[in-house]
C-alpha atoms as a PDB file:
ATOM      1  CA  MET A   1      -6.746   7.885 -17.802  1.00  0.00           C
ATOM      2  CA  ARG A   2      -9.970   9.397 -19.106  1.00  0.00           C
ATOM      3  CA  GLU A   3     -12.352   7.920 -21.640  1.00  0.00           C
ATOM      4  CA  THR A   4     -11.088  10.209 -24.401  1.00  0.00           C
ATOM      5  CA  ASP A   5      -7.608   8.703 -24.042  1.00  0.00           C
ATOM      6  CA  SER A   6      -8.326   5.162 -25.192  1.00  0.00           C
ATOM      7  CA  ALA A   7     -10.893   2.831 -26.708  1.00  0.00           C
ATOM      8  CA  VAL A   8     -14.308   2.560 -25.099  1.00  0.00           C
ATOM      9  CA  VAL A   9     -14.704  -0.921 -23.623  1.00  0.00           C
ATOM     10  CA  LEU A  10     -18.165  -0.680 -22.064  1.00  0.00           C
ATOM     11  CA  GLU A  11     -21.045   1.539 -23.116  1.00  0.00           C
ATOM     12  CA  THR A  12     -24.600   1.672 -21.806  1.00  0.00           C
ATOM     13  CA  ARG A  13     -27.435   3.713 -23.273  1.00  0.00           C
ATOM     14  CA  GLY A  14     -30.718   4.208 -21.468  1.00  0.00           C
ATOM     15  CA  LEU A  15     -29.990   1.122 -19.391  1.00  0.00           C
ATOM     16  CA  GLU A  16     -32.585   0.348 -16.749  1.00  0.00           C
ATOM     17  CA  VAL A  17     -31.700  -2.416 -14.309  1.00  0.00           C
ATOM     18  CA  ALA A  18     -34.533  -4.678 -13.207  1.00  0.00           C
ATOM     19  CA  THR A  19     -34.984  -6.356  -9.854  1.00  0.00           C
ATOM     20  CA  PRO A  20     -33.114  -9.688  -9.679  1.00  0.00           C
ATOM     21  CA  ALA A  21     -36.280 -11.624 -10.398  1.00  0.00           C
ATOM     22  CA  GLY A  22     -36.920  -9.464 -13.455  1.00  0.00           C
ATOM     23  CA  VAL A  23     -40.400  -8.641 -12.183  1.00  0.00           C
ATOM     24  CA  GLY A  24     -41.701  -6.026  -9.838  1.00  0.00           C
ATOM     25  CA  GLY A  25     -40.204  -2.799 -11.058  1.00  0.00           C
ATOM     26  CA  LEU A  26     -36.860  -1.177 -11.674  1.00  0.00           C
ATOM     27  CA  ARG A  27     -33.864  -1.231  -9.396  1.00  0.00           C
ATOM     28  CA  LEU A  28     -31.697   1.432 -11.068  1.00  0.00           C
ATOM     29  CA  GLY A  29     -31.596   3.709 -14.084  1.00  0.00           C
ATOM     30  CA  PRO A  30     -31.411   5.098 -16.574  1.00  0.00           C
ATOM     31  CA  VAL A  31     -27.655   4.510 -16.845  1.00  0.00           C
ATOM     32  CA  ASP A  32     -25.841   6.297 -19.661  1.00  0.00           C
ATOM     33  CA  TRP A  33     -22.169   5.494 -19.242  1.00  0.00           C
ATOM     34  CA  ARG A  34     -18.855   4.858 -20.983  1.00  0.00           C
ATOM     35  CA  VAL A  35     -15.858   2.990 -19.551  1.00  0.00           C
ATOM     36  CA  SER A  36     -12.500   2.910 -21.327  1.00  0.00           C
ATOM     37  CA  SER A  37      -9.462   0.691 -21.042  1.00  0.00           C
ATOM     38  CA  GLY A  38      -7.163   1.723 -18.215  1.00  0.00           C
ATOM     39  CA  GLU A  39     -10.008   3.233 -16.195  1.00  0.00           C
ATOM     40  CA  LEU A  40     -11.053   2.163 -12.720  1.00  0.00           C
ATOM     41  CA  TRP A  41     -14.672   3.024 -12.022  1.00  0.00           C
ATOM     42  CA  VAL A  42     -16.052   2.672  -8.509  1.00  0.00           C
ATOM     43  CA  VAL A  43     -19.831   2.440  -8.213  1.00  0.00           C
ATOM     44  CA  ALA A  44     -20.741   3.432  -4.656  1.00  0.00           C
ATOM     45  CA  GLY A  45     -24.058   3.272  -2.894  1.00  0.00           C
ATOM     46  CA  PRO A  46     -25.900   1.715   0.029  1.00  0.00           C
ATOM     47  CA  HIS A  47     -26.768  -1.948   0.360  1.00  0.00           C
ATOM     48  CA  GLY A  48     -29.760  -2.782  -1.827  1.00  0.00           C
ATOM     49  CA  ALA A  49     -29.197   0.081  -4.267  1.00  0.00           C
ATOM     50  CA  GLY A  50     -28.875  -2.284  -7.242  1.00  0.00           C
ATOM     51  CA  LYS A  51     -25.093  -2.372  -7.612  1.00  0.00           C
ATOM     52  CA  THR A  52     -24.882  -6.168  -7.875  1.00  0.00           C
ATOM     53  CA  ALA A  53     -27.852  -6.260 -10.236  1.00  0.00           C
ATOM     54  CA  LEU A  54     -26.073  -3.660 -12.380  1.00  0.00           C
ATOM     55  CA  LEU A  55     -22.969  -5.853 -12.681  1.00  0.00           C
ATOM     56  CA  GLU A  56     -25.034  -8.928 -13.486  1.00  0.00           C
ATOM     57  CA  THR A  57     -26.884  -6.959 -16.165  1.00  0.00           C
ATOM     58  CA  LEU A  58     -23.603  -5.725 -17.648  1.00  0.00           C
ATOM     59  CA  ALA A  59     -22.377  -9.328 -17.732  1.00  0.00           C
ATOM     60  CA  GLY A  60     -25.556 -10.506 -19.465  1.00  0.00           C
ATOM     61  CA  LEU A  61     -26.628 -12.720 -16.563  1.00  0.00           C
ATOM     62  CA  ILE A  62     -29.947 -10.957 -16.017  1.00  0.00           C
ATOM     63  CA  PRO A  63     -31.927  -9.110 -18.691  1.00  0.00           C
ATOM     64  CA  ALA A  64     -32.140  -5.339 -18.720  1.00  0.00           C
ATOM     65  CA  ALA A  65     -35.563  -3.791 -18.297  1.00  0.00           C
ATOM     66  CA  SER A  66     -34.687  -1.502 -21.198  1.00  0.00           C
ATOM     67  CA  GLY A  67     -31.732   0.105 -22.923  1.00  0.00           C
ATOM     68  CA  SER A  68     -28.518  -1.454 -24.201  1.00  0.00           C
ATOM     69  CA  VAL A  69     -25.135  -2.706 -23.027  1.00  0.00           C
ATOM     70  CA  ARG A  70     -22.209  -3.072 -25.411  1.00  0.00           C
ATOM     71  CA  VAL A  71     -18.789  -4.505 -24.574  1.00  0.00           C
ATOM     72  CA  PHE A  72     -16.025  -3.907 -27.129  1.00  0.00           C
ATOM     73  CA  GLY A  73     -18.797  -2.827 -29.461  1.00  0.00           C
ATOM     74  CA  HIS A  74     -20.794  -6.050 -29.105  1.00  0.00           C
ATOM     75  CA  PRO A  75     -24.190  -6.325 -27.395  1.00  0.00           C
ATOM     76  CA  VAL A  76     -24.236  -8.584 -24.338  1.00  0.00           C
ATOM     77  CA  GLN A  77     -27.929  -9.426 -24.595  1.00  0.00           C
ATOM     78  CA  GLY A  78     -29.945 -10.795 -27.484  1.00  0.00           C
ATOM     79  CA  SER A  79     -31.072 -14.043 -29.050  1.00  0.00           C
ATOM     80  CA  GLY A  80     -31.123 -16.110 -32.196  1.00  0.00           C
ATOM     81  CA  ASP A  81     -28.633 -14.913 -34.807  1.00  0.00           C
ATOM     82  CA  ASP A  82     -26.858 -12.857 -32.147  1.00  0.00           C
ATOM     83  CA  GLU A  83     -25.601 -15.914 -30.209  1.00  0.00           C
ATOM     84  CA  THR A  84     -22.056 -15.864 -31.622  1.00  0.00           C
ATOM     85  CA  THR A  85     -21.753 -12.141 -30.957  1.00  0.00           C
ATOM     86  CA  LEU A  86     -23.091 -12.611 -27.439  1.00  0.00           C
ATOM     87  CA  ARG A  87     -20.524 -15.299 -26.663  1.00  0.00           C
ATOM     88  CA  GLU A  88     -17.725 -13.099 -27.973  1.00  0.00           C
ATOM     89  CA  ALA A  89     -18.797 -10.164 -25.805  1.00  0.00           C
ATOM     90  CA  ARG A  90     -19.190 -12.265 -22.666  1.00  0.00           C
ATOM     91  CA  ARG A  91     -15.829 -14.017 -23.068  1.00  0.00           C
ATOM     92  CA  ARG A  92     -14.072 -10.655 -23.077  1.00  0.00           C
ATOM     93  CA  MET A  93     -15.276  -9.769 -19.589  1.00  0.00           C
ATOM     94  CA  GLY A  94     -14.931 -11.373 -16.190  1.00  0.00           C
ATOM     95  CA  LEU A  95     -17.140 -11.047 -13.113  1.00  0.00           C
ATOM     96  CA  VAL A  96     -16.032 -11.699  -9.531  1.00  0.00           C
ATOM     97  CA  PHE A  97     -19.035 -12.077  -7.263  1.00  0.00           C
ATOM     98  CA  ASP A  98     -19.223 -10.731  -3.726  1.00  0.00           C
ATOM     99  CA  GLY A  99     -18.464 -12.927  -0.727  1.00  0.00           C
ATOM    100  CA  ASN A 100     -16.671 -16.167  -1.604  1.00  0.00           C
ATOM    101  CA  GLY A 101     -16.958 -15.517  -5.353  1.00  0.00           C
ATOM    102  CA  ARG A 102     -19.480 -18.337  -5.919  1.00  0.00           C
ATOM    103  CA  LEU A 103     -16.776 -20.952  -6.246  1.00  0.00           C
ATOM    104  CA  LEU A 104     -17.952 -24.465  -7.102  1.00  0.00           C
ATOM    105  CA  SER A 105     -17.701 -26.518  -3.926  1.00  0.00           C
ATOM    106  CA  ALA A 106     -17.645 -29.832  -5.833  1.00  0.00           C
ATOM    107  CA  LEU A 107     -14.324 -28.825  -7.429  1.00  0.00           C
ATOM    108  CA  SER A 108     -10.934 -28.128  -5.904  1.00  0.00           C
ATOM    109  CA  VAL A 109      -9.436 -24.656  -5.940  1.00  0.00           C
ATOM    110  CA  GLY A 110      -7.280 -25.642  -8.912  1.00  0.00           C
ATOM    111  CA  GLU A 111     -10.218 -27.101 -10.815  1.00  0.00           C
ATOM    112  CA  ASN A 112     -12.208 -23.916 -10.257  1.00  0.00           C
ATOM    113  CA  ILE A 113      -9.391 -21.819 -11.707  1.00  0.00           C
ATOM    114  CA  LEU A 114      -8.775 -24.109 -14.688  1.00  0.00           C
ATOM    115  CA  LEU A 115     -12.446 -24.611 -15.575  1.00  0.00           C
ATOM    116  CA  PRO A 116     -12.881 -21.654 -17.994  1.00  0.00           C
ATOM    117  CA  TRP A 117      -9.720 -22.547 -19.915  1.00  0.00           C
ATOM    118  CA  CYS A 118     -10.646 -26.231 -20.160  1.00  0.00           C
ATOM    119  CA  TYR A 119     -14.192 -25.456 -21.246  1.00  0.00           C
ATOM    120  CA  HIS A 120     -13.583 -22.704 -23.775  1.00  0.00           C
ATOM    121  CA  ARG A 121     -10.304 -24.059 -25.188  1.00  0.00           C
ATOM    122  CA  ASN A 122     -11.377 -27.711 -25.183  1.00  0.00           C
ATOM    123  CA  ALA A 123      -8.214 -28.503 -23.229  1.00  0.00           C
ATOM    124  CA  GLY A 124      -7.282 -30.932 -20.480  1.00  0.00           C
ATOM    125  CA  PRO A 125      -6.313 -29.914 -16.951  1.00  0.00           C
ATOM    126  CA  ALA A 126      -2.580 -30.495 -17.537  1.00  0.00           C
ATOM    127  CA  GLU A 127      -2.493 -28.151 -20.535  1.00  0.00           C
ATOM    128  CA  ALA A 128      -4.598 -25.563 -18.720  1.00  0.00           C
ATOM    129  CA  LEU A 129      -2.326 -25.677 -15.682  1.00  0.00           C
ATOM    130  CA  THR A 130       0.755 -25.144 -17.857  1.00  0.00           C
ATOM    131  CA  GLU A 131      -0.839 -22.101 -19.462  1.00  0.00           C
ATOM    132  CA  LEU A 132      -2.199 -20.602 -16.247  1.00  0.00           C
ATOM    133  CA  GLU A 133       0.672 -21.407 -13.878  1.00  0.00           C
ATOM    134  CA  PRO A 134       2.237 -17.916 -14.180  1.00  0.00           C
ATOM    135  CA  LEU A 135      -1.108 -16.326 -13.301  1.00  0.00           C
ATOM    136  CA  ILE A 136      -1.639 -18.714 -10.385  1.00  0.00           C
ATOM    137  CA  ARG A 137       1.845 -17.950  -9.081  1.00  0.00           C
ATOM    138  CA  HIS A 138       1.330 -14.189  -9.439  1.00  0.00           C
ATOM    139  CA  LEU A 139      -1.896 -14.399  -7.428  1.00  0.00           C
ATOM    140  CA  GLN A 140      -0.037 -16.466  -4.778  1.00  0.00           C
ATOM    141  CA  LEU A 141      -2.430 -19.409  -5.070  1.00  0.00           C
ATOM    142  CA  GLY A 142      -0.043 -22.272  -5.862  1.00  0.00           C
ATOM    143  CA  SER A 143      -0.194 -23.809  -2.381  1.00  0.00           C
ATOM    144  CA  LEU A 144      -4.013 -23.840  -2.390  1.00  0.00           C
ATOM    145  CA  LEU A 145      -4.746 -25.749  -5.606  1.00  0.00           C
ATOM    146  CA  ALA A 146      -5.637 -29.048  -3.929  1.00  0.00           C
ATOM    147  CA  ARG A 147      -7.822 -27.428  -1.264  1.00  0.00           C
ATOM    148  CA  ASN A 148     -11.599 -27.432  -1.267  1.00  0.00           C
ATOM    149  CA  PRO A 149     -13.009 -23.897  -1.617  1.00  0.00           C
ATOM    150  CA  ALA A 150     -15.101 -24.413   1.511  1.00  0.00           C
ATOM    151  CA  SER A 151     -11.896 -24.603   3.560  1.00  0.00           C
ATOM    152  CA  LEU A 152     -10.808 -21.110   2.545  1.00  0.00           C
ATOM    153  CA  GLY A 153     -11.582 -17.830   4.218  1.00  0.00           C
ATOM    154  CA  ARG A 154     -13.394 -15.121   2.307  1.00  0.00           C
ATOM    155  CA  SER A 155     -10.230 -13.216   1.369  1.00  0.00           C
ATOM    156  CA  TRP A 156      -8.546 -16.193  -0.300  1.00  0.00           C
ATOM    157  CA  SER A 157     -11.811 -17.366  -1.873  1.00  0.00           C
ATOM    158  CA  ARG A 158     -12.163 -13.968  -3.502  1.00  0.00           C
ATOM    159  CA  ARG A 159      -8.651 -14.214  -4.915  1.00  0.00           C
ATOM    160  CA  VAL A 160      -9.375 -17.709  -6.306  1.00  0.00           C
ATOM    161  CA  ALA A 161     -12.511 -16.300  -7.952  1.00  0.00           C
ATOM    162  CA  LEU A 162     -10.366 -13.542  -9.446  1.00  0.00           C
ATOM    163  CA  ALA A 163      -7.963 -16.123 -10.900  1.00  0.00           C
ATOM    164  CA  ARG A 164     -10.893 -17.984 -12.463  1.00  0.00           C
ATOM    165  CA  CYS A 165     -12.142 -14.684 -13.855  1.00  0.00           C
ATOM    166  CA  LEU A 166      -8.730 -13.873 -15.398  1.00  0.00           C
ATOM    167  CA  ALA A 167      -8.133 -17.299 -16.939  1.00  0.00           C
ATOM    168  CA  LEU A 168      -9.315 -16.288 -20.422  1.00  0.00           C
ATOM    169  CA  GLY A 169      -7.633 -12.869 -20.399  1.00  0.00           C
ATOM    170  CA  PRO A 170     -10.644 -10.530 -20.262  1.00  0.00           C
ATOM    171  CA  GLY A 171     -10.381  -6.866 -21.155  1.00  0.00           C
ATOM    172  CA  LEU A 172     -13.109  -5.818 -18.706  1.00  0.00           C
ATOM    173  CA  LEU A 173     -13.282  -6.765 -15.029  1.00  0.00           C
ATOM    174  CA  LEU A 174     -16.505  -6.468 -13.053  1.00  0.00           C
ATOM    175  CA  LEU A 175     -15.810  -6.758  -9.318  1.00  0.00           C
ATOM    176  CA  ASP A 176     -18.609  -6.871  -6.774  1.00  0.00           C
ATOM    177  CA  ASN A 177     -17.440  -5.232  -3.527  1.00  0.00           C
ATOM    178  CA  PRO A 178     -13.881  -6.614  -3.857  1.00  0.00           C
ATOM    179  CA  LEU A 179     -12.303  -4.629  -0.997  1.00  0.00           C
ATOM    180  CA  ALA A 180     -14.985  -5.284   1.607  1.00  0.00           C
ATOM    181  CA  GLY A 181     -13.966  -7.101   4.766  1.00  0.00           C
ATOM    182  CA  LEU A 182     -10.288  -7.539   3.874  1.00  0.00           C
ATOM    183  CA  ASP A 183      -7.495  -7.447   6.423  1.00  0.00           C
ATOM    184  CA  ALA A 184      -4.590  -5.059   5.861  1.00  0.00           C
ATOM    185  CA  VAL A 185      -2.470  -7.616   3.968  1.00  0.00           C
ATOM    186  CA  HIS A 186      -5.185  -8.603   1.497  1.00  0.00           C
ATOM    187  CA  LEU A 187      -6.352  -5.008   1.087  1.00  0.00           C
ATOM    188  CA  ARG A 188      -2.823  -3.940   0.168  1.00  0.00           C
ATOM    189  CA  TRP A 189      -2.578  -6.821  -2.318  1.00  0.00           C
ATOM    190  CA  TRP A 190      -5.878  -5.925  -4.015  1.00  0.00           C
ATOM    191  CA  ARG A 191      -4.989  -2.254  -4.278  1.00  0.00           C
ATOM    192  CA  GLY A 192      -1.700  -3.244  -5.900  1.00  0.00           C
ATOM    193  CA  PHE A 193      -3.446  -5.629  -8.272  1.00  0.00           C
ATOM    194  CA  LEU A 194      -5.973  -3.007  -9.370  1.00  0.00           C
ATOM    195  CA  ALA A 195      -3.144  -0.590 -10.139  1.00  0.00           C
ATOM    196  CA  GLU A 196      -1.319  -3.284 -12.123  1.00  0.00           C
ATOM    197  CA  ALA A 197      -4.421  -4.312 -14.043  1.00  0.00           C
ATOM    198  CA  ARG A 198      -5.389  -0.839 -15.180  1.00  0.00           C
ATOM    199  CA  ALA A 199      -1.785  -0.098 -16.211  1.00  0.00           C
ATOM    200  CA  GLY A 200      -1.342  -3.337 -18.157  1.00  0.00           C
ATOM    201  CA  HIS A 201       0.751  -5.894 -16.273  1.00  0.00           C
ATOM    202  CA  PRO A 202       2.662  -8.510 -18.347  1.00  0.00           C
ATOM    203  CA  ILE A 203       0.935 -11.343 -16.486  1.00  0.00           C
ATOM    204  CA  LEU A 204      -2.364  -9.972 -17.823  1.00  0.00           C
ATOM    205  CA  GLY A 205      -1.097  -9.733 -21.376  1.00  0.00           C
ATOM    206  CA  GLY A 206       0.257  -6.199 -21.025  1.00  0.00           C
ATOM    207  CA  ARG A 207      -3.074  -4.614 -21.995  1.00  0.00           C
ATOM    208  CA  PRO A 208      -4.632  -1.974 -19.736  1.00  0.00           C
ATOM    209  CA  LEU A 209      -7.860  -3.413 -18.407  1.00  0.00           C
ATOM    210  CA  ALA A 210     -11.097  -1.561 -17.774  1.00  0.00           C
ATOM    211  CA  ILE A 211     -12.331  -2.184 -14.243  1.00  0.00           C
ATOM    212  CA  VAL A 212     -15.717  -1.577 -12.637  1.00  0.00           C
ATOM    213  CA  ALA A 213     -15.892  -2.194  -8.881  1.00  0.00           C
ATOM    214  CA  THR A 214     -18.887  -1.744  -6.630  1.00  0.00           C
ATOM    215  CA  THR A 215     -18.563  -0.695  -3.017  1.00  0.00           C
ATOM    216  CA  ASP A 216     -20.594   0.151   0.052  1.00  0.00           C
ATOM    217  CA  ALA A 217     -17.722   2.370   1.281  1.00  0.00           C
ATOM    218  CA  ALA A 218     -15.469   4.535  -0.878  1.00  0.00           C
ATOM    219  CA  ARG A 219     -12.618   5.099   1.591  1.00  0.00           C
ATOM    220  CA  PRO A 220     -10.610   1.983   0.593  1.00  0.00           C
ATOM    221  CA  TYR A 221     -10.153   3.604  -2.833  1.00  0.00           C
ATOM    222  CA  LEU A 222      -8.510   6.761  -1.519  1.00  0.00           C
ATOM    223  CA  GLY A 223      -5.327   7.529  -3.430  1.00  0.00           C
ATOM    224  CA  MET A 224      -6.148   5.238  -6.373  1.00  0.00           C
ATOM    225  CA  ASP A 225      -7.509   7.956  -8.699  1.00  0.00           C
ATOM    226  CA  PRO A 226     -10.688   6.122  -9.730  1.00  0.00           C
ATOM    227  CA  ARG A 227     -13.736   7.618 -11.342  1.00  0.00           C
ATOM    228  CA  PHE A 228     -16.917   7.467  -9.298  1.00  0.00           C
ATOM    229  CA  ALA A 229     -20.603   6.855  -9.851  1.00  0.00           C
ATOM    230  CA  LEU A 230     -23.366   6.652  -7.269  1.00  0.00           C
ATOM    231  CA  ALA A 231     -26.348   4.306  -7.204  1.00  0.00           C
ATOM    232  CA  ASP A 232     -28.889   5.395  -4.616  1.00  0.00           C
ATOM    233  CA  GLY A 233     -32.661   5.467  -4.452  1.00  0.00           C
ATOM    234  CA  GLY A 234     -32.958   4.165  -8.017  1.00  0.00           C
ATOM    235  CA  ARG A 235     -30.900   7.060  -9.374  1.00  0.00           C
ATOM    236  CA  TRP A 236     -27.584   6.907 -11.214  1.00  0.00           C
ATOM    237  CA  ARG A 237     -25.139   9.792 -10.954  1.00  0.00           C
ATOM    238  CA  ILE A 238     -21.558  10.381 -12.080  1.00  0.00           C
ATOM    239  CA  LEU A 239     -19.706  12.144  -9.279  1.00  0.00           C
ATOM    240  CA  PRO A 240     -16.703  14.451  -9.751  1.00  0.00           C
ATOM    241  CA  GLY A 241     -14.399  12.986  -7.095  1.00  0.00           C
ATOM    242  CA  ILE A 242     -13.814  11.300  -3.772  1.00  0.00           C
ATOM    243  CA  ASP A 243     -15.018  14.240  -1.665  1.00  0.00           C
ATOM    244  CA  SER A 244     -18.416  14.232  -3.345  1.00  0.00           C
ATOM    245  CA  VAL A 245     -18.663  10.455  -2.912  1.00  0.00           C
ATOM    246  CA  LEU A 246     -17.828  10.601   0.786  1.00  0.00           C
ATOM    247  CA  SER A 247     -20.440  13.323   1.199  1.00  0.00           C
ATOM    248  CA  ALA A 248     -23.098  11.433  -0.767  1.00  0.00           C
ATOM    249  CA  THR A 249     -22.529   8.214   1.172  1.00  0.00           C
ATOM    250  CA  GLY A 250     -22.227   9.931   4.527  1.00  0.00           C
ATOM    251  CA  GLU A 251     -18.649   8.737   5.062  1.00  0.00           C
ATOM    252  CA  ASP A 252     -17.600  12.291   5.845  1.00  0.00           C
ATOM    253  CA  GLY A 253     -20.106  12.422   8.703  1.00  0.00           C
ATOM    254  CA  THR A 254     -22.898  13.966   6.631  1.00  0.00           C
ATOM    255  CA  ARG A 255     -25.510  12.631   4.277  1.00  0.00           C
ATOM    256  CA  ASN A 256     -26.230  14.474   1.023  1.00  0.00           C
ATOM    257  CA  SER A 257     -29.163  12.969  -0.792  1.00  0.00           C
ATOM    258  CA  GLY A 258     -29.612  15.803  -3.233  1.00  0.00           C
END
């Protein structure tokens, strides 16, 4: 599905991504970009290219050096009178961090998943669990709810972080390197989930989601018909397809830096 087919969910104009500390220069940009519902965008590039910083900027967690980010037409950064608008924009997106997803070790797996619902809906754990039980079951996490996140491997931790991300029904998913380091079983599950999410699965409210995933390697996305962008050397480029991505990243045995 191309961006002309449905509503634009994410739009950046002249976006320049700063270093994580916000000082010391730019990491990536300018980024002029549009992402629509039902699209899967894969942002490829080497380690340290600014892919994680880009996601955190899109989510409003770190300030942009310049330019703008709008989600469902609302800015994700601002202050003062914009606070209500900011909250609305941020609640309509979810971010799954790389690694173990930054789960809260002081909480159980179940408490991590239920936390967004309890906080934003002013609800108790029992009510939240009733509402989110179908999602938990679909993500195959029911047997893990009482576990401590520290006892989980990276693959299951990442899926718990995804459940927490989906608790409020976002329309935009930001996934930091979600397919990295997965065994065959978990990789197959994630590929199936991404296809479901962009098509609009009933468990996700039936709405096609917009998905942005970063990656160090593009090959796991073969056959999924994503759109591709490349972050490398501070530059942002939209690439026409998987062959150009494999060439640009050297996964085809070459390295094209032009």
